[in-house]
Amino acid sequence: MTDHTVLDALQQAIDEAFQGHDRVAMRQVYAQVSRHARVPADLMAQLNEVPEGAYSKQEVTEAINDVIRRRGEQDSLGLLDVDRS
């Protein structure tokens, strides 16, 4: 699976978690992402690094990108599109 496919699956899961909601708890985002078989376990582990709380779609996207940057994986994995949020 390409990294682009992984990010697409992650973005799709985030979109689904926020469908009809302005803010959702991080645990709801995690639950939605975990339903997508195309999101690998190492990316799920990264989601655990996002602090619990209620987020807007833009905030959760930025928080996930911060984790990716903190791990130094932005070049290999890429980043989510914040503007799409």
PDB file of N, CA and C in Angstrom:
ATOM      1  N   MET A   1       0.836  -1.167   0.000  1.00  0.00           N
ATOM      2  CA  MET A   1       0.000   0.000   0.000  1.00  0.00           C
ATOM      3  C   MET A   1       0.888   1.240   0.000  1.00  0.00           C
ATOM      4  N   THR A   2       0.572   2.168  -0.866  1.00  0.00           N
ATOM      5  CA  THR A   2       1.370   3.388  -0.929  1.00  0.00           C
ATOM      6  C   THR A   2       0.988   4.317   0.212  1.00  0.00           C
ATOM      7  N   ASP A   3       1.923   5.210   0.561  1.00  0.00           N
ATOM      8  CA  ASP A   3       1.661   6.168   1.621  1.00  0.00           C
ATOM      9  C   ASP A   3       0.494   7.071   1.263  1.00  0.00           C
ATOM     10  N   HIS A   4       0.363   7.389  -0.035  1.00  0.00           N
ATOM     11  CA  HIS A   4      -0.747   8.230  -0.477  1.00  0.00           C
ATOM     12  C   HIS A   4      -2.080   7.551  -0.179  1.00  0.00           C
ATOM     13  N   THR A   5      -2.144   6.248  -0.403  1.00  0.00           N
ATOM     14  CA  THR A   5      -3.353   5.479  -0.126  1.00  0.00           C
ATOM     15  C   THR A   5      -3.667   5.488   1.360  1.00  0.00           C
ATOM     16  N   VAL A   6      -2.643   5.385   2.186  1.00  0.00           N
ATOM     17  CA  VAL A   6      -2.820   5.413   3.634  1.00  0.00           C
ATOM     18  C   VAL A   6      -3.396   6.760   4.065  1.00  0.00           C
ATOM     19  N   LEU A   7      -2.832   7.847   3.561  1.00  0.00           N
ATOM     20  CA  LEU A   7      -3.340   9.168   3.927  1.00  0.00           C
ATOM     21  C   LEU A   7      -4.753   9.381   3.406  1.00  0.00           C
ATOM     22  N   ASP A   8      -5.059   8.866   2.226  1.00  0.00           N
ATOM     23  CA  ASP A   8      -6.421   8.969   1.696  1.00  0.00           C
ATOM     24  C   ASP A   8      -7.415   8.232   2.595  1.00  0.00           C
ATOM     25  N   ALA A   9      -7.040   7.041   3.039  1.00  0.00           N
ATOM     26  CA  ALA A   9      -7.904   6.272   3.939  1.00  0.00           C
ATOM     27  C   ALA A   9      -8.083   6.996   5.272  1.00  0.00           C
ATOM     28  N   LEU A  10      -7.010   7.576   5.779  1.00  0.00           N
ATOM     29  CA  LEU A  10      -7.089   8.321   7.026  1.00  0.00           C
ATOM     30  C   LEU A  10      -7.983   9.543   6.851  1.00  0.00           C
ATOM     31  N   GLN A  11      -7.815  10.276   5.762  1.00  0.00           N
ATOM     32  CA  GLN A  11      -8.646  11.454   5.521  1.00  0.00           C
ATOM     33  C   GLN A  11     -10.114  11.069   5.371  1.00  0.00           C
ATOM     34  N   GLN A  12     -10.378   9.967   4.688  1.00  0.00           N
ATOM     35  CA  GLN A  12     -11.751   9.501   4.517  1.00  0.00           C
ATOM     36  C   GLN A  12     -12.373   9.173   5.875  1.00  0.00           C
ATOM     37  N   ALA A  13     -11.630   8.513   6.734  1.00  0.00           N
ATOM     38  CA  ALA A  13     -12.135   8.167   8.064  1.00  0.00           C
ATOM     39  C   ALA A  13     -12.405   9.427   8.889  1.00  0.00           C
ATOM     40  N   ILE A  14     -11.535  10.411   8.785  1.00  0.00           N
ATOM     41  CA  ILE A  14     -11.751  11.678   9.502  1.00  0.00           C
ATOM     42  C   ILE A  14     -13.008  12.350   8.967  1.00  0.00           C
ATOM     43  N   ASP A  15     -13.161  12.386   7.653  1.00  0.00           N
ATOM     44  CA  ASP A  15     -14.367  12.979   7.054  1.00  0.00           C
ATOM     45  C   ASP A  15     -15.624  12.287   7.574  1.00  0.00           C
ATOM     46  N   GLU A  16     -15.586  10.973   7.658  1.00  0.00           N
ATOM     47  CA  GLU A  16     -16.740  10.212   8.149  1.00  0.00           C
ATOM     48  C   GLU A  16     -17.013  10.504   9.616  1.00  0.00           C
ATOM     49  N   ALA A  17     -15.971  10.630  10.414  1.00  0.00           N
ATOM     50  CA  ALA A  17     -16.156  10.908  11.848  1.00  0.00           C
ATOM     51  C   ALA A  17     -16.820  12.264  12.067  1.00  0.00           C
ATOM     52  N   PHE A  18     -16.539  13.210  11.192  1.00  0.00           N
ATOM     53  CA  PHE A  18     -17.073  14.564  11.353  1.00  0.00           C
ATOM     54  C   PHE A  18     -18.378  14.787  10.595  1.00  0.00           C
ATOM     55  N   GLN A  19     -18.858  13.781   9.896  1.00  0.00           N
ATOM     56  CA  GLN A  19     -20.072  13.934   9.110  1.00  0.00           C
ATOM     57  C   GLN A  19     -21.225  14.355  10.027  1.00  0.00           C
ATOM     58  N   GLY A  20     -21.724  15.567   9.799  1.00  0.00           N
ATOM     59  CA  GLY A  20     -22.836  16.081  10.598  1.00  0.00           C
ATOM     60  C   GLY A  20     -22.432  16.686  11.928  1.00  0.00           C
ATOM     61  N   HIS A  21     -21.127  16.790  12.199  1.00  0.00           N
ATOM     62  CA  HIS A  21     -20.649  17.310  13.485  1.00  0.00           C
ATOM     63  C   HIS A  21     -19.591  18.386  13.264  1.00  0.00           C
ATOM     64  N   ASP A  22     -19.646  19.433  14.081  1.00  0.00           N
ATOM     65  CA  ASP A  22     -18.606  20.465  14.031  1.00  0.00           C
ATOM     66  C   ASP A  22     -17.389  20.069  14.865  1.00  0.00           C
ATOM     67  N   ARG A  23     -17.632  19.376  15.966  1.00  0.00           N
ATOM     68  CA  ARG A  23     -16.561  18.942  16.864  1.00  0.00           C
ATOM     69  C   ARG A  23     -16.849  17.509  17.296  1.00  0.00           C
ATOM     70  N   VAL A  24     -15.784  16.730  17.393  1.00  0.00           N
ATOM     71  CA  VAL A  24     -15.919  15.362  17.900  1.00  0.00           C
ATOM     72  C   VAL A  24     -14.753  15.055  18.840  1.00  0.00           C
ATOM     73  N   ALA A  25     -14.973  14.104  19.706  1.00  0.00           N
ATOM     74  CA  ALA A  25     -13.919  13.663  20.618  1.00  0.00           C
ATOM     75  C   ALA A  25     -12.894  12.849  19.839  1.00  0.00           C
ATOM     76  N   MET A  26     -11.649  12.959  20.230  1.00  0.00           N
ATOM     77  CA  MET A  26     -10.578  12.224  19.559  1.00  0.00           C
ATOM     78  C   MET A  26     -10.855  10.730  19.567  1.00  0.00           C
ATOM     79  N   ARG A  27     -11.464  10.219  20.624  1.00  0.00           N
ATOM     80  CA  ARG A  27     -11.761   8.777  20.681  1.00  0.00           C
ATOM     81  C   ARG A  27     -12.745   8.375  19.579  1.00  0.00           C
ATOM     82  N   GLN A  28     -13.637   9.297  19.154  1.00  0.00           N
ATOM     83  CA  GLN A  28     -14.555   9.009  18.060  1.00  0.00           C
ATOM     84  C   GLN A  28     -13.795   8.958  16.727  1.00  0.00           C
ATOM     85  N   VAL A  29     -12.847   9.852  16.569  1.00  0.00           N
ATOM     86  CA  VAL A  29     -12.012   9.841  15.365  1.00  0.00           C
ATOM     87  C   VAL A  29     -11.238   8.525  15.319  1.00  0.00           C
ATOM     88  N   TYR A  30     -10.620   8.153  16.433  1.00  0.00           N
ATOM     89  CA  TYR A  30      -9.846   6.912  16.506  1.00  0.00           C
ATOM     90  C   TYR A  30     -10.729   5.707  16.168  1.00  0.00           C
ATOM     91  N   ALA A  31     -11.938   5.689  16.713  1.00  0.00           N
ATOM     92  CA  ALA A  31     -12.849   4.564  16.456  1.00  0.00           C
ATOM     93  C   ALA A  31     -13.196   4.475  14.972  1.00  0.00           C
ATOM     94  N   GLN A  32     -13.441   5.609  14.341  1.00  0.00           N
ATOM     95  CA  GLN A  32     -13.767   5.610  12.916  1.00  0.00           C
ATOM     96  C   GLN A  32     -12.567   5.173  12.077  1.00  0.00           C
ATOM     97  N   VAL A  33     -11.396   5.675  12.426  1.00  0.00           N
ATOM     98  CA  VAL A  33     -10.192   5.300  11.688  1.00  0.00           C
ATOM     99  C   VAL A  33      -9.926   3.804  11.848  1.00  0.00           C
ATOM    100  N   SER A  34     -10.156   3.259  13.026  1.00  0.00           N
ATOM    101  CA  SER A  34      -9.874   1.836  13.269  1.00  0.00           C
ATOM    102  C   SER A  34     -10.781   0.926  12.444  1.00  0.00           C
ATOM    103  N   ARG A  35     -11.905   1.441  11.962  1.00  0.00           N
ATOM    104  CA  ARG A  35     -12.806   0.650  11.115  1.00  0.00           C
ATOM    105  C   ARG A  35     -12.278   0.501   9.690  1.00  0.00           C
ATOM    106  N   HIS A  36     -11.299   1.316   9.340  1.00  0.00           N
ATOM    107  CA  HIS A  36     -10.744   1.263   7.986  1.00  0.00           C
ATOM    108  C   HIS A  36      -9.551   0.313   7.962  1.00  0.00           C
ATOM    109  N   ALA A  37      -9.704  -0.791   7.265  1.00  0.00           N
ATOM    110  CA  ALA A  37      -8.648  -1.804   7.203  1.00  0.00           C
ATOM    111  C   ALA A  37      -7.403  -1.286   6.498  1.00  0.00           C
ATOM    112  N   ARG A  38      -7.555  -0.216   5.711  1.00  0.00           N
ATOM    113  CA  ARG A  38      -6.409   0.288   4.953  1.00  0.00           C
ATOM    114  C   ARG A  38      -5.501   1.191   5.787  1.00  0.00           C
ATOM    115  N   VAL A  39      -5.848   1.431   7.041  1.00  0.00           N
ATOM    116  CA  VAL A  39      -5.000   2.248   7.912  1.00  0.00           C
ATOM    117  C   VAL A  39      -4.150   1.306   8.761  1.00  0.00           C
ATOM    118  N   PRO A  40      -2.830   1.303   8.550  1.00  0.00           N
ATOM    119  CA  PRO A  40      -1.956   0.356   9.248  1.00  0.00           C
ATOM    120  C   PRO A  40      -1.819   0.665  10.748  1.00  0.00           C
ATOM    121  N   ALA A  41      -1.392  -0.343  11.470  1.00  0.00           N
ATOM    122  CA  ALA A  41      -1.272  -0.236  12.923  1.00  0.00           C
ATOM    123  C   ALA A  41      -0.316   0.867  13.366  1.00  0.00           C
ATOM    124  N   ASP A  42       0.772   1.097  12.618  1.00  0.00           N
ATOM    125  CA  ASP A  42       1.706   2.134  13.042  1.00  0.00           C
ATOM    126  C   ASP A  42       1.075   3.520  12.966  1.00  0.00           C
ATOM    127  N   LEU A  43       0.180   3.734  12.009  1.00  0.00           N
ATOM    128  CA  LEU A  43      -0.515   5.011  11.941  1.00  0.00           C
ATOM    129  C   LEU A  43      -1.544   5.120  13.063  1.00  0.00           C
ATOM    130  N   MET A  44      -2.168   4.014  13.405  1.00  0.00           N
ATOM    131  CA  MET A  44      -3.099   4.013  14.546  1.00  0.00           C
ATOM    132  C   MET A  44      -2.346   4.390  15.828  1.00  0.00           C
ATOM    133  N   ALA A  45      -1.125   3.914  15.970  1.00  0.00           N
ATOM    134  CA  ALA A  45      -0.319   4.262  17.138  1.00  0.00           C
ATOM    135  C   ALA A  45      -0.046   5.759  17.177  1.00  0.00           C
ATOM    136  N   GLN A  46       0.146   6.355  16.019  1.00  0.00           N
ATOM    137  CA  GLN A  46       0.365   7.803  15.971  1.00  0.00           C
ATOM    138  C   GLN A  46      -0.870   8.557  16.463  1.00  0.00           C
ATOM    139  N   LEU A  47      -2.044   8.055  16.145  1.00  0.00           N
ATOM    140  CA  LEU A  47      -3.274   8.714  16.601  1.00  0.00           C
ATOM    141  C   LEU A  47      -3.370   8.722  18.124  1.00  0.00           C
ATOM    142  N   ASN A  48      -2.791   7.707  18.756  1.00  0.00           N
ATOM    143  CA  ASN A  48      -2.790   7.658  20.226  1.00  0.00           C
ATOM    144  C   ASN A  48      -1.985   8.804  20.835  1.00  0.00           C
ATOM    145  N   GLU A  49      -1.129   9.428  20.042  1.00  0.00           N
ATOM    146  CA  GLU A  49      -0.317  10.538  20.541  1.00  0.00           C
ATOM    147  C   GLU A  49      -1.065  11.871  20.524  1.00  0.00           C
ATOM    148  N   VAL A  50      -2.222  11.910  19.877  1.00  0.00           N
ATOM    149  CA  VAL A  50      -3.035  13.133  19.872  1.00  0.00           C
ATOM    150  C   VAL A  50      -3.793  13.184  21.197  1.00  0.00           C
ATOM    151  N   PRO A  51      -3.655  14.282  21.938  1.00  0.00           N
ATOM    152  CA  PRO A  51      -4.338  14.380  23.235  1.00  0.00           C
ATOM    153  C   PRO A  51      -5.855  14.227  23.111  1.00  0.00           C
ATOM    154  N   GLU A  52      -6.451  13.607  24.101  1.00  0.00           N
ATOM    155  CA  GLU A  52      -7.899  13.433  24.137  1.00  0.00           C
ATOM    156  C   GLU A  52      -8.563  14.800  24.246  1.00  0.00           C
ATOM    157  N   GLY A  53      -9.728  14.911  23.708  1.00  0.00           N
ATOM    158  CA  GLY A  53     -10.480  16.156  23.763  1.00  0.00           C
ATOM    159  C   GLY A  53     -11.358  16.281  22.536  1.00  0.00           C
ATOM    160  N   ALA A  54     -12.148  17.342  22.500  1.00  0.00           N
ATOM    161  CA  ALA A  54     -13.024  17.612  21.358  1.00  0.00           C
ATOM    162  C   ALA A  54     -12.277  18.505  20.373  1.00  0.00           C
ATOM    163  N   TYR A  55     -12.357  18.159  19.106  1.00  0.00           N
ATOM    164  CA  TYR A  55     -11.637  18.860  18.052  1.00  0.00           C
ATOM    165  C   TYR A  55     -12.581  19.219  16.911  1.00  0.00           C
ATOM    166  N   SER A  56     -12.266  20.302  16.213  1.00  0.00           N
ATOM    167  CA  SER A  56     -12.869  20.551  14.913  1.00  0.00           C
ATOM    168  C   SER A  56     -12.084  19.703  13.919  1.00  0.00           C
ATOM    169  N   LYS A  57     -12.600  19.572  12.702  1.00  0.00           N
ATOM    170  CA  LYS A  57     -11.890  18.771  11.700  1.00  0.00           C
ATOM    171  C   LYS A  57     -10.513  19.370  11.402  1.00  0.00           C
ATOM    172  N   GLN A  58     -10.437  20.689  11.319  1.00  0.00           N
ATOM    173  CA  GLN A  58      -9.146  21.339  11.059  1.00  0.00           C
ATOM    174  C   GLN A  58      -8.182  21.104  12.215  1.00  0.00           C
ATOM    175  N   GLU A  59      -8.674  21.202  13.444  1.00  0.00           N
ATOM    176  CA  GLU A  59      -7.807  20.996  14.607  1.00  0.00           C
ATOM    177  C   GLU A  59      -7.266  19.568  14.667  1.00  0.00           C
ATOM    178  N   VAL A  60      -8.112  18.578  14.399  1.00  0.00           N
ATOM    179  CA  VAL A  60      -7.647  17.191  14.472  1.00  0.00           C
ATOM    180  C   VAL A  60      -6.669  16.903  13.336  1.00  0.00           C
ATOM    181  N   THR A  61      -6.918  17.482  12.165  1.00  0.00           N
ATOM    182  CA  THR A  61      -5.996  17.301  11.043  1.00  0.00           C
ATOM    183  C   THR A  61      -4.634  17.898  11.378  1.00  0.00           C
ATOM    184  N   GLU A  62      -4.629  19.092  11.933  1.00  0.00           N
ATOM    185  CA  GLU A  62      -3.368  19.734  12.324  1.00  0.00           C
ATOM    186  C   GLU A  62      -2.667  18.948  13.428  1.00  0.00           C
ATOM    187  N   ALA A  63      -3.436  18.419  14.381  1.00  0.00           N
ATOM    188  CA  ALA A  63      -2.838  17.645  15.477  1.00  0.00           C
ATOM    189  C   ALA A  63      -2.184  16.367  14.949  1.00  0.00           C
ATOM    190  N   ILE A  64      -2.828  15.691  14.010  1.00  0.00           N
ATOM    191  CA  ILE A  64      -2.251  14.480  13.419  1.00  0.00           C
ATOM    192  C   ILE A  64      -1.002  14.838  12.621  1.00  0.00           C
ATOM    193  N   ASN A  65      -1.056  15.929  11.858  1.00  0.00           N
ATOM    194  CA  ASN A  65       0.130  16.372  11.130  1.00  0.00           C
ATOM    195  C   ASN A  65       1.268  16.708  12.078  1.00  0.00           C
ATOM    196  N   ASP A  66       0.966  17.294  13.230  1.00  0.00           N
ATOM    197  CA  ASP A  66       2.001  17.593  14.229  1.00  0.00           C
ATOM    198  C   ASP A  66       2.689  16.315  14.709  1.00  0.00           C
ATOM    199  N   VAL A  67       1.900  15.257  14.922  1.00  0.00           N
ATOM    200  CA  VAL A  67       2.479  13.977  15.340  1.00  0.00           C
ATOM    201  C   VAL A  67       3.383  13.426  14.234  1.00  0.00           C
ATOM    202  N   ILE A  68       2.922  13.487  12.995  1.00  0.00           N
ATOM    203  CA  ILE A  68       3.729  13.001  11.870  1.00  0.00           C
ATOM    204  C   ILE A  68       5.050  13.768  11.797  1.00  0.00           C
ATOM    205  N   ARG A  69       4.979  15.096  11.965  1.00  0.00           N
ATOM    206  CA  ARG A  69       6.210  15.911  11.938  1.00  0.00           C
ATOM    207  C   ARG A  69       7.121  15.585  13.123  1.00  0.00           C
ATOM    208  N   ARG A  70       6.533  15.446  14.291  1.00  0.00           N
ATOM    209  CA  ARG A  70       7.318  15.154  15.496  1.00  0.00           C
ATOM    210  C   ARG A  70       8.076  13.836  15.343  1.00  0.00           C
ATOM    211  N   ARG A  71       7.483  12.891  14.654  1.00  0.00           N
ATOM    212  CA  ARG A  71       8.126  11.597  14.405  1.00  0.00           C
ATOM    213  C   ARG A  71       9.074  11.648  13.211  1.00  0.00           C
ATOM    214  N   GLY A  72       9.097  12.790  12.502  1.00  0.00           N
ATOM    215  CA  GLY A  72       9.980  12.939  11.354  1.00  0.00           C
ATOM    216  C   GLY A  72       9.544  12.133  10.147  1.00  0.00           C
ATOM    217  N   GLU A  73       8.261  11.847  10.032  1.00  0.00           N
ATOM    218  CA  GLU A  73       7.763  10.999   8.946  1.00  0.00           C
ATOM    219  C   GLU A  73       7.053  11.790   7.852  1.00  0.00           C
ATOM    220  N   GLN A  74       7.164  13.117   7.871  1.00  0.00           N
ATOM    221  CA  GLN A  74       6.466  13.925   6.870  1.00  0.00           C
ATOM    222  C   GLN A  74       6.999  13.690   5.458  1.00  0.00           C
ATOM    223  N   ASP A  75       8.273  13.379   5.325  1.00  0.00           N
ATOM    224  CA  ASP A  75       8.826  13.137   3.996  1.00  0.00           C
ATOM    225  C   ASP A  75       8.435  11.762   3.460  1.00  0.00           C
ATOM    226  N   SER A  76       8.389  10.767   4.318  1.00  0.00           N
ATOM    227  CA  SER A  76       8.056   9.421   3.859  1.00  0.00           C
ATOM    228  C   SER A  76       6.546   9.180   3.810  1.00  0.00           C
ATOM    229  N   LEU A  77       5.809   9.696   4.769  1.00  0.00           N
ATOM    230  CA  LEU A  77       4.368   9.463   4.838  1.00  0.00           C
ATOM    231  C   LEU A  77       3.581  10.582   4.175  1.00  0.00           C
ATOM    232  N   GLY A  78       4.041  11.810   4.355  1.00  0.00           N
ATOM    233  CA  GLY A  78       3.302  12.966   3.869  1.00  0.00           C
ATOM    234  C   GLY A  78       2.444  13.527   4.989  1.00  0.00           C
ATOM    235  N   LEU A  79       1.661  14.524   4.641  1.00  0.00           N
ATOM    236  CA  LEU A  79       0.791  15.174   5.619  1.00  0.00           C
ATOM    237  C   LEU A  79      -0.629  15.220   5.073  1.00  0.00           C
ATOM    238  N   LEU A  80      -1.583  15.298   5.991  1.00  0.00           N
ATOM    239  CA  LEU A  80      -2.976  15.461   5.603  1.00  0.00           C
ATOM    240  C   LEU A  80      -3.190  16.864   5.062  1.00  0.00           C
ATOM    241  N   ASP A  81      -4.165  17.016   4.196  1.00  0.00           N
ATOM    242  CA  ASP A  81      -4.483  18.311   3.598  1.00  0.00           C
ATOM    243  C   ASP A  81      -5.376  19.087   4.556  1.00  0.00           C
ATOM    244  N   VAL A  82      -4.825  20.099   5.204  1.00  0.00           N
ATOM    245  CA  VAL A  82      -5.574  20.901   6.167  1.00  0.00           C
ATOM    246  C   VAL A  82      -6.655  21.704   5.464  1.00  0.00           C
ATOM    247  N   ASP A  83      -6.398  22.153   4.246  1.00  0.00           N
ATOM    248  CA  ASP A  83      -7.381  22.949   3.500  1.00  0.00           C
ATOM    249  C   ASP A  83      -8.627  22.169   3.149  1.00  0.00           C
ATOM    250  N   ARG A  84      -8.487  20.864   3.066  1.00  0.00           N
ATOM    251  CA  ARG A  84      -9.636  20.004   2.745  1.00  0.00           C
ATOM    252  C   ARG A  84     -10.597  19.930   3.923  1.00  0.00           C
ATOM    253  N   SER A  85     -10.090  20.218   5.089  1.00  0.00           N
ATOM    254  CA  SER A  85     -10.887  20.085   6.307  1.00  0.00           C
ATOM    255  C   SER A  85     -12.015  20.996   6.292  1.00  0.00           C
TER     256      SER A  85
END
